[in-house]
Amino acid sequence: MPTEAVAAREARDRRTRRIRMVRTVVLLVGVVVPSLVLRELIESRFGRGPMADLSAVAVPMAATAWLAPYASYRRRDALLWLVGPGIYVFAVIAWRVALAPYRDWRPRPEETPRMRWSCDPDHAGTWYLTKPKGDARHPPVQ
């Protein structure tokens, strides 16, 4: 019997990882493609230059700033798009948000009072965010 339980758990974990990966890819594509389209539109109208370059990171910066509190990041981390590692930070944020409201990373110290361990067998060993933070300014992800 224990091997059957372990096999069921592994199958559930594979399914959860697959769903999480699909959600992450959808978030990444949904942010990067519009930014490239916006850059092409501005470049065709105004030509190459700093305005076209900045337009390429405008949409990803806004998405990063909006999703950052849900992934235990700060909104100002969106500024990393201006210096290079923004795509990596957004990929981490997308990976974390894809499992929301459950969290498989350690919460920041200011988030700890709002967290509890999940009792759901599908999400055992994860943190669960109990109430939204006033900083987020939008409803909690469900």
N, C-alpha and C. Protein backbone atom coordinates (compact mmCIF):
# COMPACT_ATOMS: atom_id res chain seq x y z
N MET A 1 0.79 -1.21 0.00
CA MET A 1 0.00 0.00 0.00
C MET A 1 0.84 1.27 0.00
N PRO A 2 1.94 1.32 0.76
CA PRO A 2 2.72 2.57 0.75
C PRO A 2 3.26 2.93 -0.63
N THR A 3 3.62 1.94 -1.44
CA THR A 3 4.14 2.25 -2.76
C THR A 3 3.05 2.85 -3.65
N GLU A 4 1.81 2.42 -3.46
CA GLU A 4 0.71 3.00 -4.23
C GLU A 4 0.49 4.46 -3.84
N ALA A 5 0.60 4.76 -2.55
CA ALA A 5 0.45 6.14 -2.09
C ALA A 5 1.57 7.02 -2.63
N VAL A 6 2.78 6.49 -2.64
CA VAL A 6 3.92 7.25 -3.17
C VAL A 6 3.75 7.47 -4.67
N ALA A 7 3.29 6.46 -5.38
CA ALA A 7 3.08 6.60 -6.83
C ALA A 7 1.98 7.61 -7.12
N ALA A 8 0.92 7.61 -6.33
CA ALA A 8 -0.16 8.59 -6.52
C ALA A 8 0.34 9.99 -6.24
N ARG A 9 1.16 10.14 -5.21
CA ARG A 9 1.71 11.46 -4.89
C ARG A 9 2.63 11.95 -6.00
N GLU A 10 3.47 11.07 -6.54
CA GLU A 10 4.37 11.47 -7.62
C GLU A 10 3.58 11.87 -8.87
N ALA A 11 2.51 11.14 -9.17
CA ALA A 11 1.68 11.50 -10.32
C ALA A 11 1.03 12.85 -10.11
N ARG A 12 0.56 13.12 -8.90
CA ARG A 12 -0.05 14.40 -8.58
C ARG A 12 0.99 15.52 -8.67
N ASP A 13 2.21 15.26 -8.21
CA ASP A 13 3.28 16.26 -8.30
C ASP A 13 3.64 16.56 -9.75
N ARG A 14 3.70 15.53 -10.59
CA ARG A 14 4.00 15.75 -12.02
C ARG A 14 2.91 16.58 -12.67
N ARG A 15 1.66 16.29 -12.33
CA ARG A 15 0.54 17.04 -12.90
C ARG A 15 0.59 18.49 -12.45
N THR A 16 0.88 18.72 -11.17
CA THR A 16 0.99 20.08 -10.64
C THR A 16 2.13 20.84 -11.30
N ARG A 17 3.28 20.19 -11.48
CA ARG A 17 4.42 20.85 -12.14
C ARG A 17 4.09 21.19 -13.58
N ARG A 18 3.39 20.29 -14.27
CA ARG A 18 3.03 20.54 -15.66
C ARG A 18 2.08 21.73 -15.77
N ILE A 19 1.08 21.77 -14.90
CA ILE A 19 0.15 22.90 -14.91
C ILE A 19 0.87 24.19 -14.58
N ARG A 20 1.77 24.13 -13.61
CA ARG A 20 2.52 25.32 -13.22
C ARG A 20 3.41 25.81 -14.36
N MET A 21 4.02 24.88 -15.09
CA MET A 21 4.87 25.25 -16.21
C MET A 21 4.05 25.91 -17.32
N VAL A 22 2.88 25.36 -17.60
CA VAL A 22 2.03 25.95 -18.64
C VAL A 22 1.60 27.36 -18.24
N ARG A 23 1.20 27.54 -16.99
CA ARG A 23 0.81 28.88 -16.52
C ARG A 23 1.97 29.86 -16.61
N THR A 24 3.16 29.41 -16.27
CA THR A 24 4.34 30.27 -16.33
C THR A 24 4.64 30.69 -17.77
N VAL A 25 4.60 29.74 -18.68
CA VAL A 25 4.86 30.05 -20.09
C VAL A 25 3.80 31.01 -20.63
N VAL A 26 2.54 30.81 -20.26
CA VAL A 26 1.48 31.70 -20.71
C VAL A 26 1.73 33.12 -20.19
N LEU A 27 2.13 33.25 -18.93
CA LEU A 27 2.45 34.57 -18.38
C LEU A 27 3.62 35.22 -19.12
N LEU A 28 4.67 34.46 -19.35
CA LEU A 28 5.84 35.01 -20.04
C LEU A 28 5.50 35.43 -21.46
N VAL A 29 4.81 34.58 -22.19
CA VAL A 29 4.45 34.92 -23.57
C VAL A 29 3.47 36.09 -23.59
N GLY A 30 2.53 36.09 -22.63
CA GLY A 30 1.54 37.17 -22.57
C GLY A 30 2.13 38.52 -22.23
N VAL A 31 3.33 38.56 -21.72
CA VAL A 31 3.98 39.83 -21.39
C VAL A 31 5.03 40.19 -22.45
N VAL A 32 5.80 39.23 -22.88
CA VAL A 32 6.90 39.53 -23.80
C VAL A 32 6.39 39.83 -25.22
N VAL A 33 5.42 39.09 -25.71
CA VAL A 33 4.93 39.31 -27.08
C VAL A 33 4.32 40.70 -27.23
N PRO A 34 3.41 41.16 -26.33
CA PRO A 34 2.90 42.52 -26.50
C PRO A 34 4.00 43.59 -26.42
N SER A 35 5.02 43.35 -25.62
CA SER A 35 6.10 44.34 -25.55
C SER A 35 6.87 44.41 -26.87
N LEU A 36 7.07 43.26 -27.51
CA LEU A 36 7.76 43.27 -28.80
C LEU A 36 6.89 43.91 -29.88
N VAL A 37 5.59 43.66 -29.83
CA VAL A 37 4.68 44.29 -30.79
C VAL A 37 4.68 45.81 -30.59
N LEU A 38 4.62 46.24 -29.34
CA LEU A 38 4.66 47.68 -29.05
C LEU A 38 5.95 48.30 -29.55
N ARG A 39 7.06 47.62 -29.36
CA ARG A 39 8.35 48.14 -29.83
C ARG A 39 8.35 48.27 -31.35
N GLU A 40 7.84 47.28 -32.04
CA GLU A 40 7.79 47.34 -33.50
C GLU A 40 6.90 48.48 -33.98
N LEU A 41 5.78 48.69 -33.30
CA LEU A 41 4.88 49.78 -33.70
C LEU A 41 5.55 51.14 -33.51
N ILE A 42 6.19 51.31 -32.38
CA ILE A 42 6.86 52.60 -32.12
C ILE A 42 8.06 52.78 -33.04
N GLU A 43 8.77 51.70 -33.29
CA GLU A 43 9.93 51.79 -34.19
C GLU A 43 9.49 52.12 -35.62
N SER A 44 8.37 51.57 -36.06
CA SER A 44 7.90 51.88 -37.42
C SER A 44 7.41 53.32 -37.53
N ARG A 45 6.92 53.87 -36.44
CA ARG A 45 6.40 55.25 -36.47
C ARG A 45 7.52 56.28 -36.27
N PHE A 46 8.39 56.04 -35.28
CA PHE A 46 9.39 57.04 -34.91
C PHE A 46 10.83 56.64 -35.26
N GLY A 47 11.03 55.43 -35.72
CA GLY A 47 12.38 54.98 -36.05
C GLY A 47 13.09 54.40 -34.84
N ARG A 48 14.29 53.89 -35.11
CA ARG A 48 15.08 53.31 -34.01
C ARG A 48 15.59 54.40 -33.09
N GLY A 49 15.67 54.04 -31.84
CA GLY A 49 16.17 55.01 -30.88
C GLY A 49 15.78 54.63 -29.47
N PRO A 50 16.05 55.53 -28.53
CA PRO A 50 15.78 55.21 -27.13
C PRO A 50 14.29 55.02 -26.84
N MET A 51 13.44 55.74 -27.56
CA MET A 51 12.01 55.59 -27.29
C MET A 51 11.52 54.18 -27.65
N ALA A 52 12.01 53.64 -28.74
CA ALA A 52 11.65 52.27 -29.12
C ALA A 52 12.21 51.27 -28.13
N ASP A 53 13.43 51.51 -27.66
CA ASP A 53 14.03 50.61 -26.68
C ASP A 53 13.28 50.62 -25.36
N LEU A 54 12.90 51.80 -24.90
CA LEU A 54 12.16 51.88 -23.64
C LEU A 54 10.75 51.32 -23.77
N SER A 55 10.17 51.43 -24.94
CA SER A 55 8.82 50.87 -25.12
C SER A 55 8.84 49.35 -25.04
N ALA A 56 9.98 48.75 -25.36
CA ALA A 56 10.08 47.29 -25.30
C ALA A 56 10.04 46.77 -23.87
N VAL A 57 10.42 47.60 -22.91
CA VAL A 57 10.40 47.16 -21.51
C VAL A 57 9.26 47.77 -20.71
N ALA A 58 8.44 48.60 -21.32
CA ALA A 58 7.36 49.25 -20.59
C ALA A 58 6.31 48.25 -20.10
N VAL A 59 5.86 47.38 -20.98
CA VAL A 59 4.84 46.39 -20.61
C VAL A 59 5.39 45.39 -19.59
N PRO A 60 6.59 44.82 -19.81
CA PRO A 60 7.12 43.90 -18.80
C PRO A 60 7.38 44.56 -17.44
N MET A 61 7.80 45.82 -17.45
CA MET A 61 8.02 46.51 -16.17
C MET A 61 6.70 46.67 -15.43
N ALA A 62 5.64 47.03 -16.14
CA ALA A 62 4.33 47.18 -15.50
C ALA A 62 3.83 45.85 -14.95
N ALA A 63 3.99 44.78 -15.72
CA ALA A 63 3.55 43.46 -15.26
C ALA A 63 4.37 42.99 -14.06
N THR A 64 5.66 43.24 -14.08
CA THR A 64 6.51 42.86 -12.95
C THR A 64 6.12 43.63 -11.70
N ALA A 65 5.90 44.92 -11.83
CA ALA A 65 5.51 45.73 -10.66
C ALA A 65 4.16 45.29 -10.12
N TRP A 66 3.26 44.87 -10.98
CA TRP A 66 1.92 44.47 -10.54
C TRP A 66 1.95 43.11 -9.84
N LEU A 67 2.73 42.15 -10.34
CA LEU A 67 2.75 40.79 -9.79
C LEU A 67 3.78 40.59 -8.68
N ALA A 68 4.71 41.50 -8.53
CA ALA A 68 5.80 41.31 -7.57
C ALA A 68 5.34 41.05 -6.14
N PRO A 69 4.35 41.78 -5.58
CA PRO A 69 3.96 41.49 -4.20
C PRO A 69 3.42 40.08 -3.99
N TYR A 70 2.83 39.48 -5.01
CA TYR A 70 2.32 38.12 -4.88
C TYR A 70 3.42 37.08 -4.85
N ALA A 71 4.62 37.44 -5.26
CA ALA A 71 5.74 36.51 -5.33
C ALA A 71 6.83 36.86 -4.33
N SER A 72 6.51 37.65 -3.31
CA SER A 72 7.46 38.08 -2.28
C SER A 72 8.61 38.91 -2.86
N TYR A 73 8.34 39.64 -3.90
CA TYR A 73 9.29 40.59 -4.45
C TYR A 73 8.79 42.00 -4.19
N ARG A 74 9.65 42.98 -4.38
CA ARG A 74 9.25 44.38 -4.22
C ARG A 74 8.89 44.94 -5.59
N ARG A 75 8.01 45.92 -5.59
CA ARG A 75 7.61 46.54 -6.86
C ARG A 75 8.80 47.18 -7.57
N ARG A 76 9.74 47.70 -6.82
CA ARG A 76 10.88 48.37 -7.45
C ARG A 76 11.80 47.39 -8.19
N ASP A 77 11.60 46.10 -7.99
CA ASP A 77 12.39 45.13 -8.75
C ASP A 77 12.07 45.17 -10.24
N ALA A 78 10.97 45.83 -10.60
CA ALA A 78 10.64 46.00 -12.02
C ALA A 78 11.69 46.86 -12.73
N LEU A 79 12.40 47.68 -12.00
CA LEU A 79 13.44 48.52 -12.60
C LEU A 79 14.60 47.70 -13.15
N LEU A 80 14.70 46.44 -12.76
CA LEU A 80 15.77 45.59 -13.29
C LEU A 80 15.63 45.34 -14.79
N TRP A 81 14.45 45.60 -15.34
CA TRP A 81 14.28 45.49 -16.79
C TRP A 81 15.15 46.51 -17.51
N LEU A 82 15.50 47.59 -16.87
CA LEU A 82 16.30 48.64 -17.51
C LEU A 82 17.78 48.26 -17.61
N VAL A 83 18.23 47.35 -16.76
CA VAL A 83 19.66 47.02 -16.76
C VAL A 83 19.96 45.59 -17.19
N GLY A 84 18.95 44.77 -17.45
CA GLY A 84 19.23 43.45 -18.00
C GLY A 84 18.54 42.27 -17.37
N PRO A 85 18.66 42.03 -16.07
CA PRO A 85 18.13 40.78 -15.51
C PRO A 85 16.62 40.79 -15.28
N GLY A 86 15.91 41.70 -15.90
CA GLY A 86 14.47 41.79 -15.70
C GLY A 86 13.73 40.55 -16.17
N ILE A 87 14.16 39.94 -17.27
CA ILE A 87 13.48 38.75 -17.78
C ILE A 87 13.63 37.59 -16.80
N TYR A 88 14.80 37.48 -16.16
CA TYR A 88 15.00 36.43 -15.16
C TYR A 88 14.09 36.66 -13.96
N VAL A 89 14.05 37.89 -13.46
CA VAL A 89 13.21 38.21 -12.30
C VAL A 89 11.75 37.96 -12.63
N PHE A 90 11.33 38.35 -13.83
CA PHE A 90 9.93 38.12 -14.19
C PHE A 90 9.64 36.63 -14.34
N ALA A 91 10.59 35.86 -14.84
CA ALA A 91 10.38 34.41 -14.95
C ALA A 91 10.21 33.79 -13.56
N VAL A 92 10.98 34.23 -12.59
CA VAL A 92 10.83 33.73 -11.22
C VAL A 92 9.47 34.15 -10.65
N ILE A 93 9.09 35.39 -10.89
CA ILE A 93 7.80 35.87 -10.41
C ILE A 93 6.66 35.08 -11.07
N ALA A 94 6.76 34.84 -12.36
CA ALA A 94 5.72 34.08 -13.06
C ALA A 94 5.66 32.65 -12.53
N TRP A 95 6.81 32.05 -12.26
CA TRP A 95 6.85 30.69 -11.71
C TRP A 95 6.17 30.64 -10.34
N ARG A 96 6.43 31.64 -9.53
CA ARG A 96 5.82 31.67 -8.20
C ARG A 96 4.33 31.98 -8.25
N VAL A 97 3.93 32.90 -9.08
CA VAL A 97 2.51 33.29 -9.18
C VAL A 97 1.68 32.15 -9.77
N ALA A 98 2.30 31.31 -10.59
CA ALA A 98 1.57 30.21 -11.21
C ALA A 98 1.03 29.22 -10.19
N LEU A 99 1.59 29.18 -9.01
CA LEU A 99 1.12 28.27 -7.96
C LEU A 99 0.23 28.99 -6.94
N ALA A 100 0.05 30.30 -7.09
CA ALA A 100 -0.70 31.09 -6.11
C ALA A 100 -2.09 30.52 -5.89
N PRO A 101 -2.63 30.63 -4.69
CA PRO A 101 -2.15 31.30 -3.49
C PRO A 101 -1.20 30.46 -2.64
N TYR A 102 -0.84 29.26 -3.11
CA TYR A 102 0.10 28.43 -2.38
C TYR A 102 1.51 28.86 -2.72
N ARG A 103 2.41 28.72 -1.75
CA ARG A 103 3.79 29.17 -1.95
C ARG A 103 4.74 28.09 -1.51
N ASP A 104 5.71 27.79 -2.35
CA ASP A 104 6.72 26.79 -2.00
C ASP A 104 8.06 27.44 -1.69
N TRP A 105 8.05 28.71 -1.35
CA TRP A 105 9.25 29.43 -0.95
C TRP A 105 8.99 30.05 0.42
N ARG A 106 10.05 30.35 1.10
CA ARG A 106 9.94 30.93 2.44
C ARG A 106 9.42 32.35 2.34
N PRO A 107 8.41 32.70 3.15
CA PRO A 107 7.88 34.07 3.09
C PRO A 107 8.85 35.08 3.68
N ARG A 108 8.71 36.31 3.23
CA ARG A 108 9.51 37.40 3.79
C ARG A 108 9.05 37.66 5.22
N PRO A 109 9.90 38.27 6.05
CA PRO A 109 9.55 38.48 7.46
C PRO A 109 8.23 39.24 7.66
N GLU A 110 7.94 40.22 6.82
CA GLU A 110 6.70 40.98 6.99
C GLU A 110 5.47 40.19 6.53
N GLU A 111 5.67 39.10 5.78
CA GLU A 111 4.55 38.27 5.34
C GLU A 111 4.23 37.13 6.31
N THR A 112 5.15 36.81 7.18
CA THR A 112 4.99 35.66 8.06
C THR A 112 3.71 35.68 8.89
N PRO A 113 3.27 36.81 9.45
CA PRO A 113 2.03 36.77 10.23
C PRO A 113 0.80 36.41 9.40
N ARG A 114 0.84 36.61 8.10
CA ARG A 114 -0.31 36.32 7.25
C ARG A 114 -0.27 34.93 6.63
N MET A 115 0.76 34.15 6.93
CA MET A 115 0.95 32.85 6.29
C MET A 115 0.60 31.72 7.25
N ARG A 116 0.19 30.61 6.66
CA ARG A 116 0.00 29.39 7.43
C ARG A 116 0.34 28.22 6.52
N TRP A 117 0.64 27.06 7.13
CA TRP A 117 0.93 25.87 6.35
C TRP A 117 -0.34 25.36 5.72
N SER A 118 -0.27 24.89 4.50
CA SER A 118 -1.43 24.35 3.81
C SER A 118 -1.76 22.96 4.35
N CYS A 119 -3.04 22.72 4.58
CA CYS A 119 -3.51 21.40 5.03
C CYS A 119 -4.05 20.59 3.86
N ASP A 120 -4.10 21.18 2.69
CA ASP A 120 -4.59 20.50 1.49
C ASP A 120 -3.59 19.42 1.08
N PRO A 121 -4.03 18.17 0.89
CA PRO A 121 -3.08 17.12 0.53
C PRO A 121 -2.39 17.36 -0.82
N ASP A 122 -3.05 18.05 -1.73
CA ASP A 122 -2.43 18.34 -3.02
C ASP A 122 -1.30 19.35 -2.91
N HIS A 123 -1.34 20.18 -1.88
CA HIS A 123 -0.35 21.24 -1.71
C HIS A 123 0.37 21.12 -0.36
N ALA A 124 0.56 19.91 0.09
CA ALA A 124 1.23 19.69 1.37
C ALA A 124 2.65 20.24 1.31
N GLY A 125 3.07 20.87 2.39
CA GLY A 125 4.42 21.42 2.46
C GLY A 125 4.56 22.79 1.85
N THR A 126 3.44 23.45 1.59
CA THR A 126 3.50 24.80 1.04
C THR A 126 2.87 25.78 2.01
N TRP A 127 3.19 27.04 1.84
CA TRP A 127 2.59 28.10 2.63
C TRP A 127 1.31 28.55 1.93
N TYR A 128 0.38 29.05 2.71
CA TYR A 128 -0.88 29.57 2.16
C TYR A 128 -1.07 30.98 2.67
N LEU A 129 -1.28 31.93 1.75
CA LEU A 129 -1.47 33.33 2.11
C LEU A 129 -2.92 33.50 2.55
N THR A 130 -3.14 33.96 3.78
CA THR A 130 -4.49 33.99 4.33
C THR A 130 -5.28 35.23 3.98
N LYS A 131 -4.64 36.38 3.91
CA LYS A 131 -5.38 37.60 3.57
C LYS A 131 -4.49 38.51 2.73
N PRO A 132 -5.11 39.37 1.90
CA PRO A 132 -4.30 40.23 1.04
C PRO A 132 -3.59 41.31 1.82
N LYS A 133 -2.49 41.76 1.26
CA LYS A 133 -1.72 42.84 1.85
C LYS A 133 -2.24 44.16 1.31
N GLY A 134 -2.28 45.19 2.13
CA GLY A 134 -2.78 46.48 1.70
C GLY A 134 -1.93 47.10 0.60
N ASP A 135 -0.67 46.68 0.46
CA ASP A 135 0.23 47.21 -0.55
C ASP A 135 -0.17 46.77 -1.96
N ALA A 136 -0.82 45.62 -2.08
CA ALA A 136 -1.10 45.04 -3.40
C ALA A 136 -2.10 45.87 -4.21
N ARG A 137 -3.08 46.46 -3.56
CA ARG A 137 -4.09 47.30 -4.21
C ARG A 137 -4.91 46.57 -5.27
N HIS A 138 -5.00 45.28 -5.18
CA HIS A 138 -5.91 44.53 -6.02
C HIS A 138 -6.27 43.24 -5.30
N PRO A 139 -7.36 42.57 -5.70
CA PRO A 139 -7.84 41.42 -4.95
C PRO A 139 -6.83 40.28 -4.96
N PRO A 140 -6.90 39.42 -3.95
CA PRO A 140 -5.95 38.30 -3.89
C PRO A 140 -6.18 37.32 -5.03
N VAL A 141 -5.11 36.67 -5.46
CA VAL A 141 -5.18 35.66 -6.50
C VAL A 141 -5.80 34.41 -5.92
N GLN A 142 -6.76 33.85 -6.62
CA GLN A 142 -7.40 32.63 -6.12
C GLN A 142 -7.36 31.52 -7.12
